[in-house]
Protein backbone atom coordinates (compact mmCIF):
# COMPACT_ATOMS: atom_id res chain seq x y z
CA UNK A 1 0.00 0.00 0.00
CA UNK A 2 1.32 3.42 -0.95
CA UNK A 3 2.26 5.77 1.85
CA UNK A 4 2.56 8.84 -0.37
CA UNK A 5 5.52 11.02 0.50
CA UNK A 6 6.94 8.33 2.78
CA UNK A 7 7.56 6.20 -0.30
CA UNK A 8 9.89 8.83 -1.78
CA UNK A 9 13.56 7.87 -1.57
CA UNK A 10 14.47 11.50 -0.89
CA UNK A 11 12.08 11.63 2.07
CA UNK A 12 13.43 8.39 3.51
CA UNK A 13 17.03 9.59 3.19
CA UNK A 14 16.26 13.03 4.64
CA UNK A 15 14.40 11.51 7.57
CA UNK A 16 17.20 9.04 8.28
CA UNK A 17 19.77 11.84 8.12
CA UNK A 18 17.80 13.98 10.56
CA UNK A 19 17.75 11.08 13.01
CA UNK A 20 21.51 10.68 12.62
CA UNK A 21 22.01 14.41 13.22
CA UNK A 22 19.87 14.07 16.34
CA UNK A 23 22.05 11.26 17.65
CA UNK A 24 25.30 13.06 16.83
CA UNK A 25 24.08 16.29 18.41
CA UNK A 26 23.51 14.58 21.75
CA UNK A 27 27.24 14.94 22.41
CA UNK A 28 27.30 18.70 21.85
CA UNK A 29 28.17 20.68 24.98
CA UNK A 30 25.42 22.08 27.21
CA UNK A 31 26.28 25.67 26.27
CA UNK A 32 25.26 24.87 22.68
CA UNK A 33 21.76 23.68 23.66
CA UNK A 34 19.95 26.85 22.55
CA UNK A 35 22.17 27.63 19.58
CA UNK A 36 23.94 24.97 17.53
CA UNK A 37 22.09 21.94 18.91
CA UNK A 38 18.61 23.39 18.43
CA UNK A 39 19.46 24.92 15.05
CA UNK A 40 20.96 21.80 13.49
CA UNK A 41 18.12 19.64 14.75
CA UNK A 42 15.50 22.08 13.48
CA UNK A 43 17.01 22.49 10.02
CA UNK A 44 17.68 18.76 9.58
CA UNK A 45 14.08 17.91 10.49
CA UNK A 46 12.71 20.65 8.29
CA UNK A 47 14.08 18.96 5.16
CA UNK A 48 11.73 15.98 5.42
CA UNK A 49 8.88 18.12 6.75
CA UNK A 50 9.01 20.37 3.67
CA UNK A 51 9.11 17.32 1.39
CA UNK A 52 5.95 15.99 3.04
CA UNK A 53 4.17 19.34 2.88
CA UNK A 54 5.09 19.87 -0.76
CA UNK A 55 4.07 16.38 -1.76
CA UNK A 56 0.60 16.89 -0.33
CA UNK A 57 0.18 19.99 -2.53
CA UNK A 58 1.78 18.53 -5.65
CA UNK A 59 -1.32 19.21 -7.71
CA UNK A 60 -0.08 22.83 -7.64
CA UNK A 61 3.26 22.56 -9.42
CA UNK A 62 4.54 25.98 -8.33
CA UNK A 63 3.75 25.26 -4.68
CA UNK A 64 5.40 21.85 -4.97
CA UNK A 65 8.54 23.36 -6.51
CA UNK A 66 8.62 26.07 -3.85
CA UNK A 67 8.45 23.51 -1.03
CA UNK A 68 11.21 21.42 -2.64
CA UNK A 69 13.43 24.51 -2.84
CA UNK A 70 12.57 25.27 0.81
CA UNK A 71 13.64 21.71 1.69
CA UNK A 72 16.86 22.22 -0.27
CA UNK A 73 17.55 25.46 1.61
CA UNK A 74 17.12 23.64 4.93
CA UNK A 75 19.43 20.94 3.63
CA UNK A 76 22.08 23.58 2.92
CA UNK A 77 21.54 25.16 6.34
CA UNK A 78 22.11 21.78 7.97
CA UNK A 79 25.34 21.36 6.02
CA UNK A 80 26.57 24.71 7.30
CA UNK A 81 25.74 23.75 10.89
CA UNK A 82 27.73 20.55 10.31
CA UNK A 83 30.68 22.74 9.31
CA UNK A 84 30.34 24.65 12.57
CA UNK A 85 30.07 21.44 14.60
CA UNK A 86 33.22 20.11 12.97
CA UNK A 87 35.19 23.35 13.25
CA UNK A 88 34.21 23.62 16.93
CA UNK A 89 35.53 20.05 17.35
CA UNK A 90 32.17 18.64 18.45
CA UNK A 91 32.21 16.07 15.63
CA UNK A 92 35.02 14.55 13.62
CA UNK A 93 35.67 15.47 10.01
CA UNK A 94 34.77 11.88 9.09
CA UNK A 95 31.29 12.25 10.60
CA UNK A 96 30.86 15.67 9.00
CA UNK A 97 31.99 14.39 5.59
CA UNK A 98 29.75 11.32 5.74
CA UNK A 99 26.66 13.37 6.57
CA UNK A 100 27.66 16.14 4.16
CA UNK A 101 27.91 13.80 1.16
CA UNK A 102 24.48 12.37 1.84
CA UNK A 103 22.98 15.84 2.28
CA UNK A 104 24.47 16.77 -1.09
CA UNK A 105 22.66 13.75 -2.56
CA UNK A 106 19.40 14.92 -0.99
CA UNK A 107 20.01 18.39 -2.43
CA UNK A 108 20.49 17.00 -5.94
CA UNK A 109 17.31 14.97 -5.65
CA UNK A 110 15.36 17.99 -4.40
CA UNK A 111 16.69 20.13 -7.25
CA UNK A 112 15.47 17.54 -9.74
CA UNK A 113 12.07 17.48 -8.10
CA UNK A 114 11.78 21.27 -8.04
CA UNK A 115 12.74 21.49 -11.71
CA UNK A 116 10.42 18.67 -12.82
CA UNK A 117 7.24 18.92 -10.73
CA UNK A 118 5.14 17.34 -13.48
CA UNK A 119 6.72 13.96 -12.66
CA UNK A 120 5.07 14.08 -9.24
CA UNK A 121 1.52 15.05 -10.23
CA UNK A 122 -1.20 12.81 -8.76
CA UNK A 123 -2.30 10.09 -11.13
């Protein structure tokens, strides 16, 4: 049975990545609770949330494309927070690079979706 947006590979990858970011961010120092920790968790979760929201409105191609570009922007924001976490020595460069590469993949997929909304119209 189809689960809609949950069947999308990009959604599944984005959701998995946000859970990995959550786990990694548990080791951030207490003084980062209301800055880096909250920000990276929020932006990482927002990627999959925007995918879900856009998918539900895919009958409106411009709205769908807008939500996919919003998701891509949140993806980029998360990547920048990963840079901060690495440069502050909260995570290793290996962890940052692993997450970064997969966020780049999500970004490419979202770009393709935003540029080709007709492929996602309801049948």
